[in-house]
Amino acid sequence: MFIIVASVLLLVFVALAGADLLISNINSDELSNMGVEEKS
């Protein structure tokens, strides 16, 4: 049972991390397309 819970938590963590990277890439691409560049 513990292994199942750990696997689900790991999948959720990976999914959230991937979505965060995807969103940040899309946002930077949209900003550069609009001619607005922000240096973080």
N, C-alpha and C. Protein backbone atom coordinates (compact mmCIF):
# COMPACT_ATOMS: atom_id res chain seq x y z
N MET A 1 0.84 -1.20 0.00
CA MET A 1 0.00 0.00 0.00
C MET A 1 0.87 1.25 0.00
N PHE A 2 1.91 1.23 0.83
CA PHE A 2 2.80 2.40 0.91
C PHE A 2 3.48 2.67 -0.43
N ILE A 3 3.85 1.58 -1.12
CA ILE A 3 4.52 1.73 -2.42
C ILE A 3 3.60 2.40 -3.43
N ILE A 4 2.32 2.04 -3.38
CA ILE A 4 1.35 2.64 -4.30
C ILE A 4 1.23 4.14 -4.04
N VAL A 5 1.12 4.52 -2.78
CA VAL A 5 1.01 5.94 -2.43
C VAL A 5 2.26 6.70 -2.85
N ALA A 6 3.43 6.11 -2.61
CA ALA A 6 4.69 6.75 -2.98
C ALA A 6 4.77 6.93 -4.49
N SER A 7 4.32 5.93 -5.25
CA SER A 7 4.35 6.02 -6.70
C SER A 7 3.45 7.14 -7.21
N VAL A 8 2.25 7.25 -6.62
CA VAL A 8 1.31 8.29 -7.03
C VAL A 8 1.89 9.67 -6.73
N LEU A 9 2.47 9.83 -5.55
CA LEU A 9 3.06 11.13 -5.18
C LEU A 9 4.20 11.48 -6.13
N LEU A 10 5.01 10.49 -6.49
CA LEU A 10 6.12 10.73 -7.40
C LEU A 10 5.61 11.16 -8.78
N LEU A 11 4.56 10.48 -9.26
CA LEU A 11 3.99 10.84 -10.55
C LEU A 11 3.44 12.25 -10.54
N VAL A 12 2.76 12.61 -9.45
CA VAL A 12 2.19 13.96 -9.33
C VAL A 12 3.31 15.00 -9.32
N PHE A 13 4.39 14.72 -8.59
CA PHE A 13 5.52 15.64 -8.52
C PHE A 13 6.14 15.85 -9.89
N VAL A 14 6.34 14.76 -10.62
CA VAL A 14 6.94 14.85 -11.96
C VAL A 14 6.01 15.62 -12.91
N ALA A 15 4.71 15.36 -12.80
CA ALA A 15 3.75 16.04 -13.66
C ALA A 15 3.75 17.55 -13.39
N LEU A 16 3.78 17.92 -12.11
CA LEU A 16 3.78 19.34 -11.76
C LEU A 16 5.07 20.01 -12.22
N ALA A 17 6.19 19.33 -12.04
CA ALA A 17 7.48 19.89 -12.46
C ALA A 17 7.50 20.07 -13.98
N GLY A 18 7.01 19.08 -14.72
CA GLY A 18 6.97 19.17 -16.18
C GLY A 18 6.05 20.29 -16.64
N ALA A 19 4.91 20.43 -15.99
CA ALA A 19 3.96 21.48 -16.37
C ALA A 19 4.56 22.85 -16.09
N ASP A 20 5.29 22.97 -14.98
CA ASP A 20 5.91 24.25 -14.62
C ASP A 20 6.95 24.64 -15.66
N LEU A 21 7.77 23.67 -16.10
CA LEU A 21 8.77 23.95 -17.12
C LEU A 21 8.10 24.33 -18.43
N LEU A 22 7.03 23.61 -18.78
CA LEU A 22 6.32 23.88 -20.02
C LEU A 22 5.72 25.28 -20.01
N ILE A 23 5.09 25.66 -18.90
CA ILE A 23 4.48 26.98 -18.79
C ILE A 23 5.54 28.07 -18.86
N SER A 24 6.66 27.88 -18.19
CA SER A 24 7.71 28.90 -18.20
C SER A 24 8.29 29.06 -19.60
N ASN A 25 8.43 27.95 -20.33
CA ASN A 25 8.93 28.03 -21.70
C ASN A 25 7.95 28.76 -22.60
N ILE A 26 6.66 28.47 -22.46
CA ILE A 26 5.64 29.12 -23.27
C ILE A 26 5.61 30.62 -22.96
N ASN A 27 5.66 30.97 -21.69
CA ASN A 27 5.62 32.38 -21.31
C ASN A 27 6.82 33.14 -21.88
N SER A 28 8.01 32.58 -21.82
CA SER A 28 9.19 33.26 -22.33
C SER A 28 9.09 33.39 -23.85
N ASP A 29 8.56 32.37 -24.51
CA ASP A 29 8.40 32.43 -25.97
C ASP A 29 7.41 33.51 -26.35
N GLU A 30 6.30 33.61 -25.63
CA GLU A 30 5.30 34.63 -25.94
C GLU A 30 5.86 36.03 -25.70
N LEU A 31 6.62 36.21 -24.63
CA LEU A 31 7.22 37.51 -24.34
C LEU A 31 8.20 37.90 -25.44
N SER A 32 9.02 36.98 -25.89
CA SER A 32 10.00 37.29 -26.93
C SER A 32 9.28 37.57 -28.25
N ASN A 33 8.17 36.89 -28.51
CA ASN A 33 7.41 37.14 -29.74
C ASN A 33 6.80 38.53 -29.72
N MET A 34 6.42 39.01 -28.56
CA MET A 34 5.81 40.35 -28.45
C MET A 34 6.90 41.43 -28.41
N GLY A 35 8.16 41.03 -28.37
CA GLY A 35 9.24 42.00 -28.35
C GLY A 35 9.54 42.48 -26.93
N VAL A 36 8.99 41.79 -25.94
CA VAL A 36 9.25 42.16 -24.56
C VAL A 36 10.17 41.12 -23.95
N GLU A 37 11.33 41.57 -23.50
CA GLU A 37 12.28 40.63 -22.91
C GLU A 37 12.48 40.97 -21.45
N GLU A 38 12.27 39.98 -20.58
CA GLU A 38 12.50 40.17 -19.16
C GLU A 38 13.62 39.26 -18.72
N LYS A 39 14.61 39.82 -18.05
CA LYS A 39 15.70 39.00 -17.53
C LYS A 39 15.44 38.69 -16.08
N SER A 40 15.31 37.41 -15.77
CA SER A 40 15.02 37.03 -14.39
C SER A 40 16.33 36.75 -13.66
